[in-house]
Amino acid sequence: MVLERLSPDQRVAFVLHDGFAMPFAEGAGVIGASEAAARQLASRARKAVAAAPPPRPDPTHDEVVGRLMAAMASGDLHSVVSLLHPDVTFTGDANGRAPTAARVICGADKVARFMLGLARRYGPAFYTANQLALVNGELGSYTLGTAGDGGHWAMLPRITAMTVRDGKVCALWDIANPDKFSGSPLRDLVG
């Protein structure tokens, strides 16, 4: 992580000012430096953060995402849990415009049960309507949505992004807010 490479004073000056909007005069008191020194420390930290290379995707990302989708299709809770990091998070982003998780769901068992529950509610269309896609440069999926049938819920358009670390899915984002579809295949299809 980039912040770990900063000196403790740079990190504190940067986080207090840029993260918490604390004036340099106050932040200087926290680190025991002058206001000018706090400003310089934050500036150096900002430059180091901006110059840092982007994180490298996990080389197993595509394989793990494919295995997770296959495990989901099989409905096997144990297989799904085994592909999720123990501290995985599932974040729904709909801005009240579509159903998704109202709060961040944490933990492999809870996330797996939530996802398999969605699959049951949406029925077979949960799998057949999903298309693999690059989401922010990594394999994820999108769906244009479904009308719902046979007692299953209608599914609104959505994008699912996933982050893989150490061969396990550690974060999932269910993006169902159409305002966030710019630059995606859904951009021109939903409104």
N, C-alpha and C. Protein backbone atom coordinates (compact mmCIF):
# COMPACT_ATOMS: atom_id res chain seq x y z
N MET A 1 0.84 -1.18 0.00
CA MET A 1 0.00 0.00 0.00
C MET A 1 0.89 1.24 0.00
N VAL A 2 0.50 2.23 -0.75
CA VAL A 2 1.31 3.43 -0.94
C VAL A 2 1.51 4.16 0.38
N LEU A 3 0.48 4.28 1.19
CA LEU A 3 0.61 5.05 2.44
C LEU A 3 1.65 4.45 3.38
N GLU A 4 1.85 3.15 3.30
CA GLU A 4 2.84 2.50 4.16
C GLU A 4 4.26 2.92 3.81
N ARG A 5 4.47 3.39 2.59
CA ARG A 5 5.80 3.81 2.16
C ARG A 5 6.11 5.25 2.54
N LEU A 6 5.13 5.98 3.05
CA LEU A 6 5.35 7.35 3.48
C LEU A 6 5.93 7.36 4.88
N SER A 7 6.61 8.44 5.23
CA SER A 7 7.06 8.58 6.62
C SER A 7 5.82 8.78 7.49
N PRO A 8 5.92 8.47 8.78
CA PRO A 8 4.75 8.67 9.65
C PRO A 8 4.22 10.10 9.61
N ASP A 9 5.11 11.10 9.61
CA ASP A 9 4.66 12.49 9.58
C ASP A 9 4.00 12.84 8.24
N GLN A 10 4.55 12.33 7.13
CA GLN A 10 3.91 12.56 5.83
C GLN A 10 2.51 11.97 5.81
N ARG A 11 2.41 10.75 6.29
CA ARG A 11 1.12 10.04 6.29
C ARG A 11 0.09 10.81 7.11
N VAL A 12 0.47 11.25 8.31
CA VAL A 12 -0.48 11.97 9.17
C VAL A 12 -0.87 13.30 8.54
N ALA A 13 0.11 14.07 8.06
CA ALA A 13 -0.20 15.36 7.44
C ALA A 13 -1.12 15.19 6.24
N PHE A 14 -0.84 14.20 5.42
CA PHE A 14 -1.65 13.93 4.23
C PHE A 14 -3.08 13.52 4.59
N VAL A 15 -3.21 12.55 5.48
CA VAL A 15 -4.54 12.04 5.84
C VAL A 15 -5.36 13.11 6.54
N LEU A 16 -4.75 13.83 7.47
CA LEU A 16 -5.51 14.86 8.19
C LEU A 16 -5.99 15.96 7.25
N HIS A 17 -5.12 16.41 6.35
CA HIS A 17 -5.52 17.50 5.46
C HIS A 17 -6.39 17.01 4.30
N ASP A 18 -5.89 16.04 3.54
CA ASP A 18 -6.61 15.61 2.33
C ASP A 18 -7.78 14.69 2.65
N GLY A 19 -7.66 13.90 3.69
CA GLY A 19 -8.73 12.96 4.03
C GLY A 19 -9.80 13.55 4.92
N PHE A 20 -9.38 14.37 5.89
CA PHE A 20 -10.34 14.90 6.86
C PHE A 20 -10.52 16.41 6.76
N ALA A 21 -9.90 17.04 5.78
CA ALA A 21 -10.01 18.48 5.54
C ALA A 21 -9.60 19.31 6.75
N MET A 22 -8.65 18.81 7.52
CA MET A 22 -8.16 19.56 8.68
C MET A 22 -7.18 20.62 8.18
N PRO A 23 -7.34 21.86 8.63
CA PRO A 23 -6.40 22.90 8.22
C PRO A 23 -4.97 22.54 8.63
N PHE A 24 -4.01 23.00 7.83
CA PHE A 24 -2.61 22.68 8.11
C PHE A 24 -2.19 23.17 9.50
N ALA A 25 -2.71 24.30 9.94
CA ALA A 25 -2.33 24.83 11.25
C ALA A 25 -2.69 23.84 12.36
N GLU A 26 -3.86 23.21 12.26
CA GLU A 26 -4.26 22.21 13.26
C GLU A 26 -3.44 20.94 13.12
N GLY A 27 -3.27 20.47 11.89
CA GLY A 27 -2.50 19.26 11.64
C GLY A 27 -1.06 19.39 12.11
N ALA A 28 -0.50 20.59 11.98
CA ALA A 28 0.87 20.83 12.42
C ALA A 28 1.00 20.57 13.91
N GLY A 29 -0.01 20.96 14.67
CA GLY A 29 0.01 20.71 16.11
C GLY A 29 0.00 19.24 16.45
N VAL A 30 -0.69 18.46 15.65
CA VAL A 30 -0.77 17.01 15.89
C VAL A 30 0.59 16.36 15.68
N ILE A 31 1.31 16.78 14.64
CA ILE A 31 2.59 16.13 14.34
C ILE A 31 3.79 16.87 14.96
N GLY A 32 3.51 17.99 15.63
CA GLY A 32 4.60 18.73 16.28
C GLY A 32 5.51 19.42 15.30
N ALA A 33 4.94 20.03 14.28
CA ALA A 33 5.72 20.72 13.25
C ALA A 33 5.09 22.08 12.99
N SER A 34 5.78 22.90 12.24
CA SER A 34 5.21 24.19 11.85
C SER A 34 4.15 23.97 10.77
N GLU A 35 3.33 24.99 10.57
CA GLU A 35 2.31 24.90 9.52
C GLU A 35 2.96 24.70 8.15
N ALA A 36 4.06 25.41 7.88
CA ALA A 36 4.76 25.27 6.59
C ALA A 36 5.31 23.85 6.43
N ALA A 37 5.84 23.29 7.52
CA ALA A 37 6.38 21.92 7.45
C ALA A 37 5.26 20.91 7.20
N ALA A 38 4.11 21.11 7.85
CA ALA A 38 2.97 20.21 7.63
C ALA A 38 2.51 20.28 6.18
N ARG A 39 2.48 21.50 5.64
CA ARG A 39 2.08 21.69 4.24
C ARG A 39 3.06 20.96 3.31
N GLN A 40 4.36 21.07 3.59
CA GLN A 40 5.38 20.41 2.77
C GLN A 40 5.29 18.89 2.89
N LEU A 41 5.07 18.38 4.11
CA LEU A 41 4.93 16.93 4.30
C LEU A 41 3.74 16.39 3.51
N ALA A 42 2.62 17.10 3.57
CA ALA A 42 1.42 16.66 2.84
C ALA A 42 1.66 16.73 1.34
N SER A 43 2.38 17.76 0.88
CA SER A 43 2.67 17.89 -0.55
C SER A 43 3.53 16.73 -1.04
N ARG A 44 4.56 16.38 -0.27
CA ARG A 44 5.41 15.25 -0.65
C ARG A 44 4.61 13.94 -0.66
N ALA A 45 3.74 13.78 0.32
CA ALA A 45 2.91 12.57 0.38
C ALA A 45 1.98 12.51 -0.83
N ARG A 46 1.37 13.64 -1.16
CA ARG A 46 0.46 13.70 -2.30
C ARG A 46 1.18 13.31 -3.59
N LYS A 47 2.41 13.80 -3.77
CA LYS A 47 3.20 13.46 -4.96
C LYS A 47 3.53 11.98 -4.99
N ALA A 48 3.87 11.41 -3.84
CA ALA A 48 4.19 9.97 -3.77
C ALA A 48 2.97 9.13 -4.10
N VAL A 49 1.81 9.54 -3.61
CA VAL A 49 0.58 8.80 -3.88
C VAL A 49 0.24 8.88 -5.37
N ALA A 50 0.37 10.08 -5.95
CA ALA A 50 0.05 10.25 -7.38
C ALA A 50 1.02 9.48 -8.28
N ALA A 51 2.27 9.35 -7.85
CA ALA A 51 3.28 8.68 -8.68
C ALA A 51 3.28 7.16 -8.53
N ALA A 52 2.55 6.66 -7.56
CA ALA A 52 2.56 5.21 -7.31
C ALA A 52 1.91 4.47 -8.48
N PRO A 53 2.48 3.34 -8.86
CA PRO A 53 1.87 2.56 -9.95
C PRO A 53 0.54 1.99 -9.48
N PRO A 54 -0.38 1.78 -10.42
CA PRO A 54 -1.66 1.18 -10.02
C PRO A 54 -1.44 -0.24 -9.50
N PRO A 55 -2.31 -0.71 -8.63
CA PRO A 55 -2.13 -2.07 -8.13
C PRO A 55 -2.22 -3.08 -9.26
N ARG A 56 -1.44 -4.14 -9.15
CA ARG A 56 -1.46 -5.19 -10.16
C ARG A 56 -2.61 -6.14 -9.87
N PRO A 57 -3.37 -6.48 -10.89
CA PRO A 57 -4.45 -7.45 -10.66
C PRO A 57 -3.87 -8.82 -10.30
N ASP A 58 -4.61 -9.56 -9.53
CA ASP A 58 -4.20 -10.92 -9.18
C ASP A 58 -4.14 -11.74 -10.46
N PRO A 59 -3.04 -12.47 -10.71
CA PRO A 59 -2.93 -13.23 -11.95
C PRO A 59 -3.98 -14.33 -12.08
N THR A 60 -4.62 -14.71 -10.99
CA THR A 60 -5.65 -15.75 -11.04
C THR A 60 -7.05 -15.17 -11.16
N HIS A 61 -7.16 -13.84 -11.35
CA HIS A 61 -8.46 -13.18 -11.33
C HIS A 61 -9.49 -13.86 -12.23
N ASP A 62 -9.18 -13.97 -13.51
CA ASP A 62 -10.16 -14.52 -14.46
C ASP A 62 -10.55 -15.95 -14.10
N GLU A 63 -9.57 -16.75 -13.73
CA GLU A 63 -9.85 -18.14 -13.36
C GLU A 63 -10.77 -18.21 -12.14
N VAL A 64 -10.47 -17.40 -11.13
CA VAL A 64 -11.27 -17.43 -9.89
C VAL A 64 -12.69 -16.93 -10.16
N VAL A 65 -12.83 -15.86 -10.94
CA VAL A 65 -14.17 -15.36 -11.26
C VAL A 65 -14.95 -16.41 -12.03
N GLY A 66 -14.32 -17.07 -12.99
CA GLY A 66 -15.00 -18.14 -13.74
C GLY A 66 -15.43 -19.28 -12.84
N ARG A 67 -14.55 -19.67 -11.91
CA ARG A 67 -14.90 -20.75 -10.98
C ARG A 67 -16.02 -20.32 -10.04
N LEU A 68 -16.03 -19.05 -9.63
CA LEU A 68 -17.10 -18.56 -8.76
C LEU A 68 -18.43 -18.59 -9.49
N MET A 69 -18.44 -18.16 -10.75
CA MET A 69 -19.69 -18.17 -11.51
C MET A 69 -20.19 -19.60 -11.71
N ALA A 70 -19.28 -20.54 -11.95
CA ALA A 70 -19.68 -21.95 -12.10
C ALA A 70 -20.22 -22.49 -10.78
N ALA A 71 -19.57 -22.13 -9.67
CA ALA A 71 -20.05 -22.59 -8.36
C ALA A 71 -21.42 -22.00 -8.05
N MET A 72 -21.63 -20.74 -8.42
CA MET A 72 -22.95 -20.12 -8.23
C MET A 72 -24.00 -20.87 -9.04
N ALA A 73 -23.68 -21.19 -10.29
CA ALA A 73 -24.63 -21.89 -11.15
C ALA A 73 -24.98 -23.27 -10.60
N SER A 74 -24.03 -23.90 -9.91
CA SER A 74 -24.30 -25.22 -9.33
C SER A 74 -25.13 -25.11 -8.06
N GLY A 75 -25.14 -23.91 -7.45
CA GLY A 75 -25.89 -23.72 -6.22
C GLY A 75 -25.23 -24.32 -4.99
N ASP A 76 -23.96 -24.70 -5.11
CA ASP A 76 -23.25 -25.37 -4.02
C ASP A 76 -22.64 -24.33 -3.07
N LEU A 77 -23.24 -24.16 -1.90
CA LEU A 77 -22.79 -23.18 -0.93
C LEU A 77 -21.32 -23.37 -0.56
N HIS A 78 -20.92 -24.60 -0.30
CA HIS A 78 -19.53 -24.88 0.11
C HIS A 78 -18.55 -24.43 -0.98
N SER A 79 -18.86 -24.71 -2.24
CA SER A 79 -17.97 -24.31 -3.34
C SER A 79 -17.88 -22.80 -3.46
N VAL A 80 -19.01 -22.12 -3.30
CA VAL A 80 -18.99 -20.65 -3.37
C VAL A 80 -18.15 -20.09 -2.23
N VAL A 81 -18.39 -20.56 -1.01
CA VAL A 81 -17.64 -20.07 0.15
C VAL A 81 -16.14 -20.30 -0.04
N SER A 82 -15.75 -21.43 -0.62
CA SER A 82 -14.33 -21.75 -0.77
C SER A 82 -13.61 -20.79 -1.72
N LEU A 83 -14.34 -20.10 -2.57
CA LEU A 83 -13.73 -19.16 -3.52
C LEU A 83 -13.73 -17.73 -3.01
N LEU A 84 -14.35 -17.50 -1.86
CA LEU A 84 -14.42 -16.17 -1.28
C LEU A 84 -13.41 -16.04 -0.14
N HIS A 85 -12.77 -14.89 -0.08
CA HIS A 85 -11.86 -14.59 1.03
C HIS A 85 -12.69 -14.55 2.31
N PRO A 86 -12.15 -15.01 3.44
CA PRO A 86 -12.94 -15.00 4.68
C PRO A 86 -13.50 -13.62 5.03
N ASP A 87 -12.80 -12.54 4.64
CA ASP A 87 -13.25 -11.18 4.95
C ASP A 87 -13.85 -10.48 3.73
N VAL A 88 -14.38 -11.24 2.77
CA VAL A 88 -14.96 -10.66 1.56
C VAL A 88 -16.08 -9.68 1.92
N THR A 89 -16.24 -8.66 1.06
CA THR A 89 -17.36 -7.73 1.22
C THR A 89 -18.19 -7.71 -0.06
N PHE A 90 -19.49 -7.53 0.11
CA PHE A 90 -20.42 -7.37 -1.00
C PHE A 90 -21.08 -6.01 -0.79
N THR A 91 -20.88 -5.10 -1.75
CA THR A 91 -21.40 -3.75 -1.63
C THR A 91 -22.41 -3.50 -2.74
N GLY A 92 -23.62 -3.16 -2.35
CA GLY A 92 -24.65 -2.80 -3.32
C GLY A 92 -24.62 -1.30 -3.56
N ASP A 93 -24.72 -0.90 -4.81
CA ASP A 93 -24.70 0.52 -5.17
C ASP A 93 -25.86 0.77 -6.12
N ALA A 94 -26.98 1.24 -5.56
CA ALA A 94 -28.16 1.49 -6.39
C ALA A 94 -28.74 2.88 -6.18
N ASN A 95 -28.30 3.57 -5.14
CA ASN A 95 -28.82 4.89 -4.82
C ASN A 95 -30.35 4.88 -4.74
N GLY A 96 -30.90 3.78 -4.23
CA GLY A 96 -32.34 3.67 -4.07
C GLY A 96 -33.11 3.44 -5.35
N ARG A 97 -32.42 3.21 -6.46
CA ARG A 97 -33.10 3.08 -7.75
C ARG A 97 -33.30 1.64 -8.19
N ALA A 98 -32.74 0.68 -7.44
CA ALA A 98 -32.90 -0.73 -7.79
C ALA A 98 -32.64 -1.55 -6.53
N PRO A 99 -33.21 -2.75 -6.45
CA PRO A 99 -32.94 -3.56 -5.26
C PRO A 99 -31.52 -4.14 -5.28
N THR A 100 -30.86 -4.02 -4.16
CA THR A 100 -29.55 -4.62 -3.93
C THR A 100 -29.31 -4.62 -2.43
N ALA A 101 -28.15 -5.02 -2.00
CA ALA A 101 -27.85 -5.04 -0.56
C ALA A 101 -27.92 -3.61 -0.01
N ALA A 102 -28.69 -3.44 1.05
CA ALA A 102 -28.84 -2.11 1.64
C ALA A 102 -27.60 -1.71 2.44
N ARG A 103 -26.90 -2.69 2.97
CA ARG A 103 -25.68 -2.46 3.75
C ARG A 103 -24.59 -3.37 3.20
N VAL A 104 -23.37 -3.03 3.50
CA VAL A 104 -22.25 -3.88 3.09
C VAL A 104 -22.36 -5.21 3.84
N ILE A 105 -22.25 -6.30 3.10
CA ILE A 105 -22.30 -7.65 3.68
C ILE A 105 -20.86 -8.13 3.80
N CYS A 106 -20.50 -8.63 4.96
CA CYS A 106 -19.11 -9.05 5.22
C CYS A 106 -19.05 -10.51 5.61
N GLY A 107 -18.02 -11.20 5.12
CA GLY A 107 -17.77 -12.58 5.48
C GLY A 107 -18.20 -13.54 4.39
N ALA A 108 -17.39 -14.58 4.18
CA ALA A 108 -17.62 -15.52 3.08
C ALA A 108 -18.98 -16.20 3.16
N ASP A 109 -19.35 -16.70 4.32
CA ASP A 109 -20.62 -17.42 4.44
C ASP A 109 -21.81 -16.50 4.18
N LYS A 110 -21.80 -15.29 4.76
CA LYS A 110 -22.91 -14.36 4.57
C LYS A 110 -23.02 -13.91 3.11
N VAL A 111 -21.89 -13.60 2.49
CA VAL A 111 -21.91 -13.16 1.09
C VAL A 111 -22.39 -14.30 0.20
N ALA A 112 -21.90 -15.51 0.42
CA ALA A 112 -22.32 -16.66 -0.40
C ALA A 112 -23.82 -16.90 -0.26
N ARG A 113 -24.33 -16.87 0.95
CA ARG A 113 -25.77 -17.08 1.16
C ARG A 113 -26.59 -15.97 0.51
N PHE A 114 -26.12 -14.73 0.59
CA PHE A 114 -26.83 -13.62 -0.04
C PHE A 114 -26.88 -13.81 -1.55
N MET A 115 -25.74 -14.14 -2.16
CA MET A 115 -25.69 -14.29 -3.62
C MET A 115 -26.55 -15.47 -4.07
N LEU A 116 -26.49 -16.59 -3.36
CA LEU A 116 -27.31 -17.74 -3.74
C LEU A 116 -28.79 -17.43 -3.52
N GLY A 117 -29.10 -16.62 -2.52
CA GLY A 117 -30.49 -16.18 -2.31
C GLY A 117 -30.98 -15.33 -3.47
N LEU A 118 -30.13 -14.45 -3.98
CA LEU A 118 -30.50 -13.66 -5.16
C LEU A 118 -30.76 -14.57 -6.35
N ALA A 119 -29.90 -15.56 -6.52
CA ALA A 119 -30.06 -16.49 -7.64
C ALA A 119 -31.41 -17.20 -7.56
N ARG A 120 -31.82 -17.58 -6.36
CA ARG A 120 -33.13 -18.24 -6.21
C ARG A 120 -34.27 -17.27 -6.53
N ARG A 121 -34.15 -16.03 -6.09
CA ARG A 121 -35.21 -15.04 -6.33
C ARG A 121 -35.36 -14.70 -7.81
N TYR A 122 -34.22 -14.57 -8.50
CA TYR A 122 -34.28 -14.20 -9.91
C TYR A 122 -34.46 -15.40 -10.83
N GLY A 123 -34.22 -16.59 -10.34
CA GLY A 123 -34.40 -17.80 -11.13
C GLY A 123 -33.30 -18.00 -12.15
N PRO A 124 -33.54 -18.86 -13.14
CA PRO A 124 -32.50 -19.18 -14.13
C PRO A 124 -31.95 -17.95 -14.86
N ALA A 125 -32.76 -16.91 -14.98
CA ALA A 125 -32.30 -15.70 -15.67
C ALA A 125 -31.11 -15.05 -14.96
N PHE A 126 -30.95 -15.33 -13.67
CA PHE A 126 -29.81 -14.78 -12.93
C PHE A 126 -28.51 -15.19 -13.61
N TYR A 127 -28.48 -16.38 -14.19
CA TYR A 127 -27.28 -16.87 -14.86
C TYR A 127 -27.32 -16.62 -16.36
N THR A 128 -28.46 -16.87 -17.00
CA THR A 128 -28.52 -16.77 -18.46
C THR A 128 -28.46 -15.33 -18.95
N ALA A 129 -28.88 -14.37 -18.15
CA ALA A 129 -28.87 -12.97 -18.58
C ALA A 129 -27.53 -12.30 -18.34
N ASN A 130 -26.67 -12.91 -17.55
CA ASN A 130 -25.36 -12.31 -17.26
C ASN A 130 -24.39 -12.54 -18.40
N GLN A 131 -23.63 -11.51 -18.71
CA GLN A 131 -22.59 -11.57 -19.73
C GLN A 131 -21.26 -11.25 -19.06
N LEU A 132 -20.22 -12.00 -19.39
CA LEU A 132 -18.89 -11.65 -18.89
C LEU A 132 -18.44 -10.36 -19.55
N ALA A 133 -17.76 -9.53 -18.79
CA ALA A 133 -17.30 -8.25 -19.32
C ALA A 133 -16.12 -7.76 -18.52
N LEU A 134 -15.31 -6.91 -19.14
CA LEU A 134 -14.26 -6.25 -18.39
C LEU A 134 -14.88 -5.08 -17.64
N VAL A 135 -14.67 -5.06 -16.35
CA VAL A 135 -15.17 -3.99 -15.50
C VAL A 135 -13.94 -3.36 -14.84
N ASN A 136 -13.66 -2.11 -15.19
CA ASN A 136 -12.45 -1.45 -14.70
C ASN A 136 -11.20 -2.29 -15.00
N GLY A 137 -11.18 -2.93 -16.15
CA GLY A 137 -10.02 -3.69 -16.59
C GLY A 137 -9.92 -5.10 -16.06
N GLU A 138 -10.90 -5.55 -15.26
CA GLU A 138 -10.87 -6.90 -14.72
C GLU A 138 -12.19 -7.60 -15.05
N LEU A 139 -12.13 -8.93 -15.09
CA LEU A 139 -13.31 -9.70 -15.45
C LEU A 139 -14.41 -9.53 -14.41
N GLY A 140 -15.58 -9.23 -14.88
CA GLY A 140 -16.78 -9.12 -14.06
C GLY A 140 -17.95 -9.52 -14.94
N SER A 141 -19.12 -8.98 -14.65
CA SER A 141 -20.28 -9.32 -15.48
C SER A 141 -21.26 -8.15 -15.52
N TYR A 142 -22.16 -8.23 -16.49
CA TYR A 142 -23.26 -7.28 -16.56
C TYR A 142 -24.49 -8.01 -17.07
N THR A 143 -25.63 -7.42 -16.79
CA THR A 143 -26.88 -7.93 -17.35
C THR A 143 -27.73 -6.75 -17.77
N LEU A 144 -28.46 -6.94 -18.85
CA LEU A 144 -29.39 -5.91 -19.31
C LEU A 144 -30.69 -5.96 -18.52
N GLY A 145 -30.83 -6.99 -17.68
CA GLY A 145 -32.05 -7.15 -16.89
C GLY A 145 -32.97 -8.18 -17.51
N THR A 146 -33.97 -8.57 -16.73
CA THR A 146 -34.95 -9.56 -17.19
C THR A 146 -36.33 -9.14 -16.71
N ALA A 147 -37.34 -9.62 -17.40
CA ALA A 147 -38.72 -9.28 -17.05
C ALA A 147 -39.23 -10.07 -15.85
N GLY A 148 -38.59 -11.17 -15.54
CA GLY A 148 -39.09 -12.03 -14.46
C GLY A 148 -40.15 -12.97 -15.03
N ASP A 149 -40.17 -14.19 -14.52
CA ASP A 149 -41.16 -15.16 -15.00
C ASP A 149 -41.30 -16.28 -13.97
N GLY A 150 -42.37 -17.02 -14.08
CA GLY A 150 -42.57 -18.18 -13.22
C GLY A 150 -42.45 -17.87 -11.74
N GLY A 151 -42.89 -16.69 -11.33
CA GLY A 151 -42.80 -16.33 -9.93
C GLY A 151 -41.47 -15.75 -9.52
N HIS A 152 -40.54 -15.59 -10.46
CA HIS A 152 -39.24 -15.01 -10.15
C HIS A 152 -39.29 -13.50 -10.34
N TRP A 153 -38.48 -12.80 -9.58
CA TRP A 153 -38.42 -11.34 -9.66
C TRP A 153 -37.87 -10.88 -11.00
N ALA A 154 -38.30 -9.69 -11.43
CA ALA A 154 -37.67 -9.03 -12.56
C ALA A 154 -36.31 -8.52 -12.08
N MET A 155 -35.32 -8.57 -12.95
CA MET A 155 -33.97 -8.12 -12.58
C MET A 155 -33.65 -6.88 -13.40
N LEU A 156 -33.30 -5.81 -12.71
CA LEU A 156 -32.93 -4.57 -13.38
C LEU A 156 -31.49 -4.67 -13.87
N PRO A 157 -31.12 -3.84 -14.85
CA PRO A 157 -29.75 -3.86 -15.35
C PRO A 157 -28.75 -3.62 -14.22
N ARG A 158 -27.60 -4.29 -14.32
CA ARG A 158 -26.58 -4.14 -13.28
C ARG A 158 -25.23 -4.60 -13.80
N ILE A 159 -24.21 -4.13 -13.14
CA ILE A 159 -22.83 -4.52 -13.40
C ILE A 159 -22.28 -5.10 -12.10
N THR A 160 -21.56 -6.20 -12.20
CA THR A 160 -20.92 -6.77 -11.02
C THR A 160 -19.41 -6.74 -11.22
N ALA A 161 -18.74 -6.02 -10.34
CA ALA A 161 -17.28 -5.94 -10.37
C ALA A 161 -16.74 -6.77 -9.22
N MET A 162 -15.59 -7.39 -9.44
CA MET A 162 -14.98 -8.24 -8.41
C MET A 162 -13.49 -7.95 -8.31
N THR A 163 -12.98 -8.04 -7.11
CA THR A 163 -11.55 -7.94 -6.87
C THR A 163 -11.07 -9.26 -6.30
N VAL A 164 -9.98 -9.77 -6.87
CA VAL A 164 -9.40 -11.04 -6.42
C VAL A 164 -8.02 -10.76 -5.86
N ARG A 165 -7.75 -11.30 -4.69
CA ARG A 165 -6.43 -11.22 -4.08
C ARG A 165 -6.09 -12.59 -3.52
N ASP A 166 -4.87 -13.03 -3.77
CA ASP A 166 -4.39 -14.32 -3.25
C ASP A 166 -5.32 -15.48 -3.63
N GLY A 167 -5.86 -15.42 -4.85
CA GLY A 167 -6.67 -16.52 -5.35
C GLY A 167 -8.08 -16.61 -4.79
N LYS A 168 -8.54 -15.57 -4.12
CA LYS A 168 -9.90 -15.55 -3.56
C LYS A 168 -10.57 -14.23 -3.90
N VAL A 169 -11.89 -14.26 -4.10
CA VAL A 169 -12.63 -13.02 -4.32
C VAL A 169 -12.71 -12.30 -2.97
N CYS A 170 -12.20 -11.07 -2.92
CA CYS A 170 -12.20 -10.35 -1.64
C CYS A 170 -13.18 -9.19 -1.62
N ALA A 171 -13.74 -8.82 -2.78
CA ALA A 171 -14.73 -7.75 -2.82
C ALA A 171 -15.60 -7.91 -4.06
N LEU A 172 -16.90 -7.66 -3.87
CA LEU A 172 -17.85 -7.64 -4.98
C LEU A 172 -18.65 -6.35 -4.87
N TRP A 173 -18.92 -5.74 -6.01
CA TRP A 173 -19.74 -4.54 -6.08
C TRP A 173 -20.89 -4.82 -7.03
N ASP A 174 -22.10 -4.68 -6.55
CA ASP A 174 -23.31 -4.84 -7.36
C ASP A 174 -23.76 -3.43 -7.74
N ILE A 175 -23.40 -3.01 -8.93
CA ILE A 175 -23.67 -1.64 -9.37
C ILE A 175 -24.97 -1.64 -10.16
N ALA A 176 -26.03 -1.18 -9.50
CA ALA A 176 -27.35 -1.17 -10.12
C ALA A 176 -27.87 0.25 -10.28
N ASN A 177 -27.04 1.23 -10.02
CA ASN A 177 -27.40 2.64 -10.17
C ASN A 177 -27.11 3.04 -11.62
N PRO A 178 -28.16 3.29 -12.43
CA PRO A 178 -27.92 3.60 -13.85
C PRO A 178 -27.07 4.84 -14.07
N ASP A 179 -26.98 5.72 -13.09
CA ASP A 179 -26.13 6.91 -13.24
C ASP A 179 -24.65 6.53 -13.34
N LYS A 180 -24.30 5.33 -12.94
CA LYS A 180 -22.90 4.90 -12.95
C LYS A 180 -22.56 4.02 -14.14
N PHE A 181 -23.44 3.94 -15.13
CA PHE A 181 -23.21 3.05 -16.26
C PHE A 181 -22.45 3.73 -17.40
N SER A 182 -21.98 4.96 -17.23
CA SER A 182 -21.25 5.60 -18.32
C SER A 182 -20.00 4.78 -18.61
N GLY A 183 -19.70 4.62 -19.88
CA GLY A 183 -18.55 3.84 -20.29
C GLY A 183 -18.79 2.34 -20.25
N SER A 184 -20.04 1.91 -20.12
CA SER A 184 -20.34 0.48 -20.06
C SER A 184 -21.32 0.12 -21.17
N PRO A 185 -21.49 -1.18 -21.44
CA PRO A 185 -22.47 -1.60 -22.45
C PRO A 185 -23.89 -1.20 -22.08
N LEU A 186 -24.14 -0.88 -20.82
CA LEU A 186 -25.49 -0.53 -20.38
C LEU A 186 -25.81 0.94 -20.60
N ARG A 187 -24.81 1.75 -20.83
CA ARG A 187 -24.98 3.20 -20.90
C ARG A 187 -26.14 3.62 -21.80
N ASP A 188 -26.19 3.11 -23.01
CA ASP A 188 -27.20 3.53 -23.97
C ASP A 188 -28.48 2.71 -23.90
N LEU A 189 -28.50 1.69 -23.06
CA LEU A 189 -29.65 0.79 -23.03
C LEU A 189 -30.58 1.03 -21.86
N VAL A 190 -30.14 1.79 -20.88
CA VAL A 190 -30.99 2.07 -19.72
C VAL A 190 -31.06 3.57 -19.52
N GLY A 191 -32.06 3.99 -18.85
CA GLY A 191 -32.18 5.42 -18.64
C GLY A 191 -33.02 5.74 -17.56
